Protein backbone atom coordinates (compact mmCIF):
# COMPACT_ATOMS: atom_id res chain seq x y z
CA MET A 1 200.91 -42.35 -38.11
CA GLU A 2 202.38 -41.13 -41.39
CA GLN A 3 201.96 -43.59 -44.25
CA ILE A 4 204.94 -45.08 -46.03
CA PRO A 5 204.79 -44.50 -49.83
CA VAL A 6 205.32 -47.91 -51.57
CA ILE A 7 205.24 -49.60 -54.87
CA ALA A 8 203.85 -53.11 -55.29
CA ILE A 9 205.67 -55.48 -57.61
CA PHE A 10 204.28 -58.76 -58.82
CA ASP A 11 207.26 -60.96 -59.72
CA VAL A 12 205.85 -64.05 -61.47
CA GLY A 13 208.27 -66.92 -62.05
CA LYS A 14 207.55 -70.38 -63.38
CA THR A 15 207.70 -71.75 -59.82
CA ASN A 16 207.23 -68.96 -57.33
CA LYS A 17 204.84 -66.04 -57.55
CA LYS A 18 206.04 -63.21 -55.39
CA LEU A 19 204.60 -59.90 -54.21
CA PHE A 20 206.88 -57.18 -52.85
CA LEU A 21 206.22 -53.79 -51.39
CA PHE A 22 209.24 -51.43 -51.72
CA ASP A 23 209.58 -48.14 -49.97
CA GLU A 24 211.16 -45.12 -51.64
CA ASN A 25 214.66 -46.36 -50.67
CA TYR A 26 213.87 -49.66 -52.46
CA LYS A 27 213.88 -51.62 -49.22
CA ILE A 28 211.36 -54.44 -48.87
CA VAL A 29 208.68 -53.54 -46.36
CA PHE A 30 206.36 -56.45 -47.19
CA GLU A 31 206.58 -59.65 -49.13
CA ARG A 32 204.63 -62.80 -49.89
CA THR A 33 205.36 -65.89 -51.95
CA ALA A 34 202.83 -68.33 -53.34
CA ARG A 35 202.85 -71.39 -55.54
CA PHE A 36 199.86 -72.42 -57.66
CA THR A 37 198.93 -75.88 -58.74
CA GLU A 38 199.30 -76.24 -62.43
CA THR A 39 196.34 -77.05 -64.71
CA HIS A 40 196.31 -78.66 -68.14
CA ASP A 41 195.55 -77.45 -71.59
CA GLU A 42 193.25 -79.22 -74.16
CA ASP A 43 196.11 -81.62 -75.08
CA GLY A 44 196.71 -82.58 -71.47
CA ASP A 45 199.98 -80.67 -71.21
CA PRO A 46 200.65 -78.84 -67.92
CA CYS A 47 200.22 -75.09 -67.90
CA GLU A 48 199.92 -72.13 -65.64
CA ASN A 49 196.64 -71.68 -63.83
CA LEU A 50 195.65 -68.34 -65.25
CA ASP A 51 192.58 -67.98 -63.07
CA SER A 52 194.64 -68.44 -59.91
CA LEU A 53 197.12 -65.86 -61.15
CA ARG A 54 194.45 -63.32 -62.00
CA LEU A 55 192.67 -63.77 -58.68
CA SER A 56 195.93 -63.47 -56.75
CA VAL A 57 196.46 -59.94 -58.08
CA PHE A 58 193.15 -58.77 -56.74
CA ASP A 59 193.54 -60.70 -53.43
CA SER A 60 196.94 -59.25 -52.94
CA LEU A 61 195.78 -55.67 -53.54
CA ARG A 62 192.98 -56.17 -51.02
CA GLU A 63 195.52 -57.37 -48.51
CA ILE A 64 197.81 -54.38 -49.16
CA PHE A 65 194.98 -51.95 -48.60
CA LYS A 66 194.35 -53.59 -45.19
CA HIS A 67 197.79 -52.38 -44.12
CA LYS A 68 197.01 -48.79 -43.24
CA GLU A 69 200.70 -48.05 -42.76
CA PHE A 70 201.26 -48.19 -46.53
CA ASN A 71 200.33 -45.63 -49.16
CA LEU A 72 200.24 -47.49 -52.47
CA LYS A 73 201.72 -45.20 -55.14
CA ALA A 74 202.26 -47.60 -58.01
CA VAL A 75 202.02 -51.25 -59.17
CA ASN A 76 204.17 -53.04 -61.75
CA PHE A 77 204.69 -56.55 -63.03
CA SER A 78 207.49 -58.81 -64.20
CA THR A 79 207.00 -62.34 -65.43
CA TYR A 80 208.73 -65.01 -67.38
CA GLY A 81 208.65 -64.62 -71.13
CA ALA A 82 207.40 -66.64 -74.09
CA SER A 83 203.89 -66.71 -72.68
CA PHE A 84 200.85 -65.17 -74.47
CA VAL A 85 197.35 -64.59 -73.16
CA TYR A 86 194.92 -64.37 -76.06
CA VAL A 87 192.05 -62.11 -75.22
CA ASP A 88 188.83 -61.26 -76.97
CA GLU A 89 187.14 -57.86 -77.41
CA GLU A 90 185.95 -58.06 -73.78
CA GLY A 91 189.48 -58.85 -72.55
CA ARG A 92 188.57 -62.42 -71.66
CA PRO A 93 191.19 -65.14 -72.20
CA LEU A 94 190.28 -67.47 -75.11
CA THR A 95 192.73 -70.29 -74.38
CA PRO A 96 194.82 -71.70 -71.52
CA LEU A 97 198.23 -70.04 -70.87
CA TYR A 98 200.20 -72.49 -72.92
CA ASN A 99 203.47 -73.70 -71.44
CA TYR A 100 206.50 -72.67 -73.45
CA LEU A 101 207.91 -76.18 -72.84
CA LYS A 102 205.00 -77.71 -74.75
CA PRO A 103 206.31 -79.61 -77.82
CA TYR A 104 205.97 -77.70 -81.05
CA PRO A 105 204.39 -79.66 -83.96
CA PRO A 106 207.30 -80.59 -86.26
CA GLU A 107 205.17 -80.40 -89.40
CA LEU A 108 204.04 -76.85 -88.51
CA GLY A 109 207.66 -75.74 -87.82
CA LYS A 110 208.65 -77.17 -91.19
CA GLN A 111 205.82 -75.33 -92.91
CA PHE A 112 206.78 -72.05 -91.20
CA TYR A 113 210.40 -72.14 -92.30
CA GLU A 114 209.57 -73.36 -95.79
CA THR A 115 207.34 -70.26 -96.11
CA TYR A 116 209.51 -67.62 -94.48
CA GLY A 117 213.08 -68.72 -95.18
CA ASP A 118 215.61 -71.16 -93.88
CA GLU A 119 216.10 -71.38 -90.07
CA ALA A 120 219.60 -69.91 -90.04
CA ARG A 121 218.69 -66.74 -91.89
CA PHE A 122 215.47 -66.29 -89.87
CA ALA A 123 217.41 -66.81 -86.67
CA HIS A 124 219.82 -64.05 -87.62
CA GLU A 125 217.06 -61.66 -88.43
CA THR A 126 215.16 -62.33 -85.25
CA ALA A 127 218.31 -62.73 -83.10
CA SER A 128 217.14 -65.96 -81.59
CA PRO A 129 217.73 -69.68 -82.11
CA THR A 130 214.94 -71.95 -83.24
CA LEU A 131 213.21 -72.76 -79.97
CA GLY A 132 209.72 -74.02 -80.78
CA ASN A 133 207.15 -72.61 -78.39
CA LEU A 134 209.87 -70.57 -76.64
CA ASN A 135 209.73 -68.41 -79.82
CA SER A 136 206.36 -67.10 -78.67
CA GLY A 137 205.51 -65.74 -82.09
CA LEU A 138 205.33 -69.32 -83.30
CA GLN A 139 202.71 -69.99 -80.71
CA LEU A 140 200.49 -67.39 -82.54
CA TYR A 141 201.36 -69.14 -85.89
CA ARG A 142 200.31 -72.46 -84.33
CA LEU A 143 197.04 -71.05 -83.01
CA LYS A 144 196.17 -69.54 -86.40
CA HIS A 145 196.72 -72.78 -88.27
CA GLN A 146 195.44 -75.22 -85.72
CA GLN A 147 192.61 -73.26 -84.10
CA PRO A 148 191.48 -70.72 -86.78
CA LYS A 149 188.15 -70.09 -85.14
CA VAL A 150 189.89 -69.09 -81.92
CA PHE A 151 192.43 -66.99 -83.79
CA LYS A 152 189.64 -65.00 -85.45
CA LYS A 153 188.23 -64.08 -82.05
CA ILE A 154 191.57 -62.67 -80.77
CA LYS A 155 191.50 -58.91 -80.14
CA TYR A 156 195.07 -58.89 -78.90
CA ALA A 157 197.85 -61.32 -78.01
CA LEU A 158 199.29 -60.01 -74.78
CA HIS A 159 202.48 -61.24 -73.23
CA LEU A 160 201.88 -62.23 -69.64
CA PRO A 161 203.25 -59.03 -67.99
CA GLN A 162 201.01 -56.89 -70.13
CA TYR A 163 197.96 -59.09 -69.43
CA MET A 164 198.54 -58.65 -65.72
CA SER A 165 198.86 -54.85 -66.21
CA TYR A 166 195.62 -54.85 -68.20
CA LEU A 167 193.79 -56.40 -65.25
CA LEU A 168 194.28 -53.15 -63.36
CA THR A 169 194.24 -50.61 -66.23
CA GLY A 170 191.81 -51.96 -68.78
CA GLN A 171 194.32 -50.96 -71.48
CA MET A 172 195.99 -53.44 -73.78
CA VAL A 173 199.59 -52.62 -74.70
CA THR A 174 202.84 -54.28 -75.83
CA ASP A 175 206.27 -53.62 -74.34
CA LEU A 176 209.61 -54.06 -76.08
CA THR A 177 211.29 -56.18 -73.41
CA SER A 178 208.62 -58.94 -73.95
CA ILE A 179 208.68 -58.62 -77.71
CA GLY A 180 212.51 -58.68 -77.70
CA CYS A 181 213.01 -61.94 -75.84
CA HIS A 182 213.38 -64.87 -78.32
CA THR A 183 209.96 -64.31 -79.76
CA ALA A 184 210.66 -64.57 -83.52
CA LEU A 185 208.44 -61.45 -83.76
CA TRP A 186 211.11 -58.70 -84.01
CA ASN A 187 213.50 -58.01 -86.87
CA PHE A 188 216.67 -56.84 -85.01
CA ASN A 189 218.27 -55.66 -88.23
CA ARG A 190 215.40 -53.33 -89.02
CA ASN A 191 214.34 -52.63 -85.40
CA THR A 192 210.65 -53.33 -86.20
CA TYR A 193 208.26 -56.23 -86.35
CA HIS A 194 209.25 -59.00 -88.80
CA ASP A 195 207.51 -59.08 -92.18
CA TRP A 196 205.94 -62.47 -91.51
CA LEU A 197 203.50 -60.96 -89.03
CA THR A 198 201.99 -58.85 -91.77
CA GLN A 199 201.82 -61.71 -94.30
CA GLU A 200 200.07 -63.94 -91.73
CA GLY A 201 197.62 -61.26 -90.66
CA ILE A 202 199.03 -61.43 -87.14
CA LEU A 203 200.31 -57.83 -86.84
CA PRO A 204 196.79 -56.43 -86.06
CA LYS A 205 196.66 -58.83 -83.16
CA MET A 206 199.58 -57.04 -81.49
CA ALA A 207 198.59 -54.30 -79.10
CA PRO A 208 200.10 -50.82 -79.46
CA LEU A 209 203.73 -50.51 -78.38
CA LYS A 210 204.41 -48.43 -75.29
CA ALA A 211 207.69 -47.49 -73.60
CA ALA A 212 208.67 -49.77 -70.72
CA ASP A 213 208.80 -46.82 -68.35
CA SER A 214 205.18 -45.86 -69.16
CA VAL A 215 202.47 -45.81 -66.50
CA LEU A 216 198.65 -45.90 -66.87
CA PRO A 217 195.89 -45.01 -64.46
CA SER A 218 194.10 -47.74 -62.54
CA VAL A 219 190.68 -48.53 -63.87
CA PHE A 220 189.08 -48.89 -60.44
CA PRO A 221 187.13 -45.89 -59.13
CA GLY A 222 188.82 -44.01 -56.31
CA SER A 223 192.24 -45.58 -57.02
CA THR A 224 195.11 -43.11 -57.19
CA TYR A 225 198.05 -45.46 -57.89
CA SER A 226 199.82 -45.70 -61.20
CA VAL A 227 200.26 -48.94 -63.02
CA GLY A 228 203.34 -49.95 -65.08
CA ILE A 229 202.86 -51.88 -68.30
CA GLY A 230 205.04 -54.82 -67.16
CA LEU A 231 208.47 -56.17 -68.07
CA HIS A 232 210.05 -59.39 -69.14
CA ASP A 233 211.83 -60.71 -66.00
CA SER A 234 215.36 -61.06 -67.41
CA SER A 235 215.29 -57.58 -68.77
CA ALA A 236 213.99 -56.27 -65.47
CA ALA A 237 216.82 -57.97 -63.57
CA LEU A 238 219.37 -56.01 -65.63
CA ILE A 239 217.97 -52.56 -64.68
CA PRO A 240 219.53 -52.15 -61.23
CA TYR A 241 222.99 -52.87 -62.76
CA LEU A 242 222.52 -50.43 -65.59
CA VAL A 243 221.54 -47.78 -63.11
CA SER A 244 224.39 -48.55 -60.65
CA PHE A 245 227.45 -49.32 -62.89
CA ASN A 246 229.03 -47.65 -65.82
CA MET A 247 231.95 -50.03 -66.16
CA PRO A 248 231.33 -52.77 -68.74
CA PHE A 249 229.93 -55.96 -67.03
CA VAL A 250 228.18 -59.17 -67.72
CA LEU A 251 225.26 -60.16 -65.45
CA ILE A 252 224.50 -63.87 -64.94
CA SER A 253 220.92 -63.87 -63.78
CA THR A 254 220.14 -67.23 -62.26
CA GLY A 255 216.78 -68.93 -61.56
CA THR A 256 214.98 -71.57 -63.59
CA TRP A 257 217.15 -70.28 -66.46
CA SER A 258 220.73 -69.06 -66.06
CA ILE A 259 220.97 -66.12 -68.44
CA SER A 260 224.21 -64.30 -69.19
CA LEU A 261 223.46 -60.74 -70.23
CA ASN A 262 225.98 -58.44 -71.84
CA PRO A 263 224.48 -54.96 -72.57
CA PHE A 264 227.89 -53.76 -73.90
CA ASN A 265 228.26 -56.35 -76.65
CA GLN A 266 226.77 -55.16 -79.99
CA ASN A 267 228.47 -57.81 -82.15
CA PRO A 268 226.13 -59.72 -84.49
CA LEU A 269 225.23 -63.21 -83.45
CA THR A 270 227.29 -65.99 -85.10
CA GLU A 271 225.89 -69.25 -86.42
CA GLU A 272 227.73 -71.06 -83.59
CA GLU A 273 226.23 -68.80 -80.97
CA LEU A 274 222.68 -69.31 -82.30
CA LYS A 275 223.19 -73.08 -82.32
CA ASN A 276 224.13 -72.84 -78.61
CA ASP A 277 221.13 -70.83 -77.48
CA CYS A 278 222.58 -67.29 -77.72
CA LEU A 279 220.18 -64.53 -78.61
CA ASN A 280 219.53 -60.84 -78.30
CA TYR A 281 217.15 -59.19 -75.94
CA LEU A 282 215.78 -55.67 -75.93
CA GLN A 283 216.36 -53.83 -72.67
CA TYR A 284 213.89 -51.43 -71.22
CA LYS A 285 215.34 -48.42 -73.11
CA GLY A 286 215.26 -50.31 -76.39
CA ASN A 287 218.93 -51.14 -76.74
CA THR A 288 220.15 -54.61 -77.70
CA VAL A 289 221.57 -56.94 -75.06
CA LYS A 290 223.60 -60.03 -76.12
CA ALA A 291 222.52 -63.06 -74.06
CA SER A 292 223.11 -66.75 -73.69
CA ARG A 293 220.92 -69.15 -71.77
CA LEU A 294 221.18 -72.41 -69.86
CA PHE A 295 218.33 -74.33 -68.27
CA THR A 296 220.52 -74.89 -65.18
CA GLY A 297 218.07 -73.98 -62.47
CA TYR A 298 215.70 -76.66 -63.63
CA GLU A 299 218.54 -79.16 -64.08
CA TYR A 300 219.88 -78.31 -60.58
CA GLU A 301 216.51 -79.00 -58.94
CA GLN A 302 216.12 -82.35 -60.69
CA GLN A 303 219.67 -83.52 -59.97
CA ILE A 304 219.68 -82.65 -56.24
CA LYS A 305 216.52 -84.67 -55.96
CA ARG A 306 218.32 -87.54 -57.58
CA ILE A 307 221.31 -87.13 -55.26
CA GLY A 308 219.02 -86.90 -52.24
CA ALA A 309 217.12 -89.99 -53.18
CA HIS A 310 220.27 -92.04 -53.80
CA PHE A 311 221.95 -91.03 -50.56
CA ASN A 312 218.71 -90.94 -48.50
CA GLN A 313 219.03 -87.24 -47.83
CA ASP A 314 216.54 -84.37 -47.83
CA PRO A 315 217.40 -82.13 -50.88
CA ILE A 316 216.91 -79.07 -48.60
CA ARG A 317 220.28 -79.93 -47.11
CA TYR A 318 221.99 -78.83 -50.30
CA ARG A 319 220.97 -75.18 -49.80
CA ILE A 320 223.73 -74.78 -47.22
CA ILE A 321 226.56 -76.96 -48.42
CA ASN A 322 229.88 -75.07 -48.28
CA PHE A 323 232.58 -75.22 -50.92
CA ASP A 324 235.20 -77.88 -50.23
CA PRO A 325 238.30 -77.09 -52.35
CA ALA A 326 239.89 -80.46 -51.64
CA ILE A 327 236.86 -82.40 -52.97
CA ALA A 328 236.62 -80.02 -55.99
CA ALA A 329 240.27 -80.47 -56.87
CA ARG A 330 240.11 -84.29 -56.53
CA LEU A 331 237.05 -84.49 -58.75
CA GLN A 332 238.65 -82.26 -61.37
CA ALA A 333 241.67 -84.47 -61.49
CA GLN A 334 239.61 -87.55 -62.25
CA THR A 335 239.30 -88.22 -65.97
CA THR A 336 237.82 -91.69 -65.97
CA PHE A 337 234.47 -90.47 -67.23
CA GLN A 338 233.97 -87.47 -69.49
CA PRO A 339 230.30 -86.96 -70.62
CA LYS A 340 229.92 -86.49 -74.34
CA GLN A 341 229.22 -82.91 -75.50
CA GLN A 342 228.31 -82.43 -79.13
CA GLU A 343 227.74 -79.28 -81.12
CA GLY A 344 224.48 -77.59 -80.05
CA SER A 345 224.13 -79.86 -77.02
CA LEU A 346 225.02 -77.30 -74.36
CA GLN A 347 221.52 -77.54 -72.93
CA GLN A 348 221.81 -81.29 -72.29
CA SER A 349 222.56 -82.21 -68.73
CA VAL A 350 226.06 -83.57 -68.09
CA PHE A 351 225.48 -84.74 -64.61
CA GLU A 352 222.45 -86.92 -65.41
CA GLN A 353 224.83 -89.16 -67.44
CA ARG A 354 226.88 -89.86 -64.24
CA ASN A 355 226.48 -92.90 -62.09
CA LEU A 356 225.82 -91.86 -58.45
CA ALA A 357 227.36 -95.10 -57.23
CA ASP A 358 230.74 -93.70 -58.27
CA PHE A 359 230.56 -91.14 -55.45
CA ALA A 360 231.44 -91.96 -51.86
CA THR A 361 229.14 -89.27 -50.32
CA ASP A 362 226.36 -86.98 -51.35
CA THR A 363 228.65 -84.01 -50.74
CA GLU A 364 231.07 -85.37 -53.33
CA ALA A 365 228.22 -85.97 -55.82
CA TYR A 366 226.95 -82.43 -55.14
CA HIS A 367 230.32 -80.92 -55.90
CA GLN A 368 230.48 -82.91 -59.16
CA LEU A 369 227.02 -81.58 -60.05
CA MET A 370 228.23 -77.98 -59.52
CA ILE A 371 231.49 -78.65 -61.42
CA ASP A 372 229.44 -79.86 -64.40
CA ILE A 373 227.03 -76.96 -64.22
CA VAL A 374 229.84 -74.35 -63.98
CA GLN A 375 231.63 -75.97 -66.92
CA GLN A 376 228.52 -75.46 -68.95
CA GLN A 377 228.14 -71.94 -67.56
CA VAL A 378 231.65 -71.00 -68.60
CA ILE A 379 230.97 -72.03 -72.18
CA SER A 380 227.62 -70.27 -72.27
CA THR A 381 228.89 -67.00 -70.66
CA GLY A 382 231.99 -67.14 -72.90
CA TYR A 383 229.76 -66.48 -75.93
CA VAL A 384 228.67 -63.06 -74.72
CA LEU A 385 232.15 -62.21 -73.60
CA ARG A 386 233.64 -62.62 -77.04
CA GLY A 387 234.92 -59.53 -78.82
CA CYS A 388 234.07 -57.23 -75.90
CA LYS A 389 236.24 -55.97 -73.09
CA ILE A 390 234.51 -56.82 -69.79
CA GLN A 391 236.02 -56.42 -66.34
CA ARG A 392 233.33 -57.73 -64.06
CA ILE A 393 230.86 -60.61 -63.84
CA PHE A 394 227.92 -60.16 -61.47
CA VAL A 395 225.78 -63.18 -60.44
CA ASP A 396 222.38 -62.68 -59.00
CA GLY A 397 219.52 -65.01 -58.11
CA GLY A 398 219.66 -68.44 -56.52
CA PHE A 399 223.25 -69.36 -57.52
CA SER A 400 224.63 -66.14 -56.18
CA LYS A 401 223.99 -67.57 -52.71
CA ASN A 402 225.61 -70.95 -53.61
CA THR A 403 229.20 -70.75 -52.42
CA VAL A 404 230.16 -73.88 -54.39
CA PHE A 405 228.93 -72.33 -57.63
CA MET A 406 230.51 -68.91 -56.92
CA HIS A 407 233.99 -70.31 -56.01
CA LEU A 408 234.04 -72.50 -59.08
CA LEU A 409 232.93 -69.71 -61.35
CA ALA A 410 235.64 -67.38 -59.95
CA PHE A 411 238.34 -70.03 -60.57
CA ALA A 412 237.03 -70.40 -64.13
CA PHE A 413 237.37 -66.65 -64.83
CA PRO A 414 240.63 -65.67 -62.94
CA TYR A 415 241.18 -62.71 -65.19
CA LEU A 416 237.80 -61.11 -64.35
CA GLU A 417 236.36 -59.77 -61.12
CA VAL A 418 233.58 -62.11 -60.10
CA TYR A 419 230.94 -60.94 -57.66
CA ALA A 420 227.90 -62.39 -55.99
CA ALA A 421 225.39 -59.60 -56.07
CA SER A 422 223.27 -59.35 -53.00
CA MET A 423 220.19 -57.20 -53.33
CA ALA A 424 216.57 -57.54 -52.42
CA GLN A 425 215.25 -59.27 -55.54
CA ALA A 426 216.96 -57.78 -58.63
CA THR A 427 214.01 -58.56 -60.93
CA ALA A 428 211.44 -56.90 -58.62
CA VAL A 429 213.74 -53.93 -57.92
CA GLY A 430 214.39 -53.45 -61.65
CA THR A 431 210.68 -53.53 -62.25
CA ALA A 432 210.17 -50.81 -59.71
CA LEU A 433 213.09 -48.75 -61.01
CA ALA A 434 211.63 -48.79 -64.53
CA ILE A 435 208.83 -46.45 -63.40
CA HIS A 436 210.79 -44.65 -60.62
CA GLN A 437 209.75 -41.22 -61.92
CA ALA A 438 206.07 -42.10 -61.60
CA TRP A 439 205.96 -42.89 -57.92
CA ASN A 440 209.19 -42.05 -56.13
CA THR A 441 210.03 -38.53 -54.93
CA LYS A 442 213.64 -39.44 -53.99
CA THR A 443 216.67 -39.67 -56.19
CA LEU A 444 217.95 -43.05 -57.34
CA PRO A 445 219.81 -44.70 -54.46
CA HIS A 446 223.54 -45.58 -54.91
CA ASP A 447 223.54 -48.57 -52.48
CA LEU A 448 221.11 -50.84 -54.32
CA ILE A 449 223.54 -53.73 -54.72
CA GLU A 450 225.88 -55.36 -52.20
CA LEU A 451 228.77 -57.16 -53.83
CA LYS A 452 230.79 -60.07 -52.46
CA TYR A 453 234.04 -60.69 -54.32
CA TYR A 454 235.18 -64.23 -55.11
CA SER A 455 238.85 -64.59 -55.89
CA GLY A 456 239.96 -66.65 -58.86
CA VAL A 457 243.58 -67.10 -57.83
CA GLN A 458 243.20 -70.80 -57.27
CA ASN A 459 242.29 -71.35 -60.87
CA GLU A 460 243.54 -74.93 -60.87
CA VAL A 461 240.24 -76.01 -59.29
CA VAL A 462 238.24 -75.31 -62.51
């Protein structure tokens, strides 16, 4: 039997850890999903179980090699951002994998900005709002000032995708997509590391930069597969669209975060945009991508649990609720309660302020949740649409399969073409595409993405 050439992609989200094997046509021929129990750091805050993650890589590869029908040509990684693994000279992690939601010490944040300039100017230079530990560079600053002995032992601070690549290559590198995602490390005006890294003695802790389409040999004797250096997941999710479409578009990549990505908007970030969680990313070719973010995936999960508990329903039921235009129209017409939205409060949940006793059924409450989420999404996506002629909005990830969300979004943007993008895991496919030339003998396929059009003609609903 002739073996199938495949690439293995480890797609590590905050919740689900996925392994995919793609053939040369980018079709999934094997997949597996796992969830790991969180552990805790020295302060008792929850964090990723780094040992479980590391072991899962080797366990997964062993499983792949048991499948004799596959010929493993390459491996690559995509993970969530804002997560550093601090390794010593031997490559051993020195600390837990700190959670980016861990509260940042206020006094340390104040000290940082008093030293390196006011927050507004710094945010403009680094193209990111002030986000505490989500600015992963400030995690390094915290470690230096709170755990100086540990800091001295650091050989390199590796973002999570590059740490996972290191496990197979033994080489420590840095990639631009991880550096360019709200890290406070990169000066977007100068297209280089920000000066503060040199002044703090942090720059030597950054591994050498390599191009995102680079591959390295596996460190294991007898292995013939190539290993990518890893990508930030939001940047990876954009790659299939950049490969497939030339017409200007915005991609709303949905998951734990809902991120609106506009690779065609080169306008500088405004103060208002920075206050409302807009930022710039670096895509895999090094170009700037204007982006805005909402924590809607997390909010959605919390609120459907609340709805389910109130109405005595299993939250799983909400995976298949269909859009009801009559319910949506009626809810939109009701103005008895309008949650307060203040400047800079876009990330605050609107629905959690609502009283579930006001709704007759859980279906009605669910539609109100989605109306509230889409209203926030419209504001957030609107920031990256400004000053740029865009014709299409693509939605991928969890919400692309949610007909309530998609209908409401189309009604909100009646002057744009709104599509649910159906493809086998955009982030994983993008991660594979980034190193296409290193493993795939075929030309890039033209049918990567299936699109479902949602009409916005009934724009009175939203």
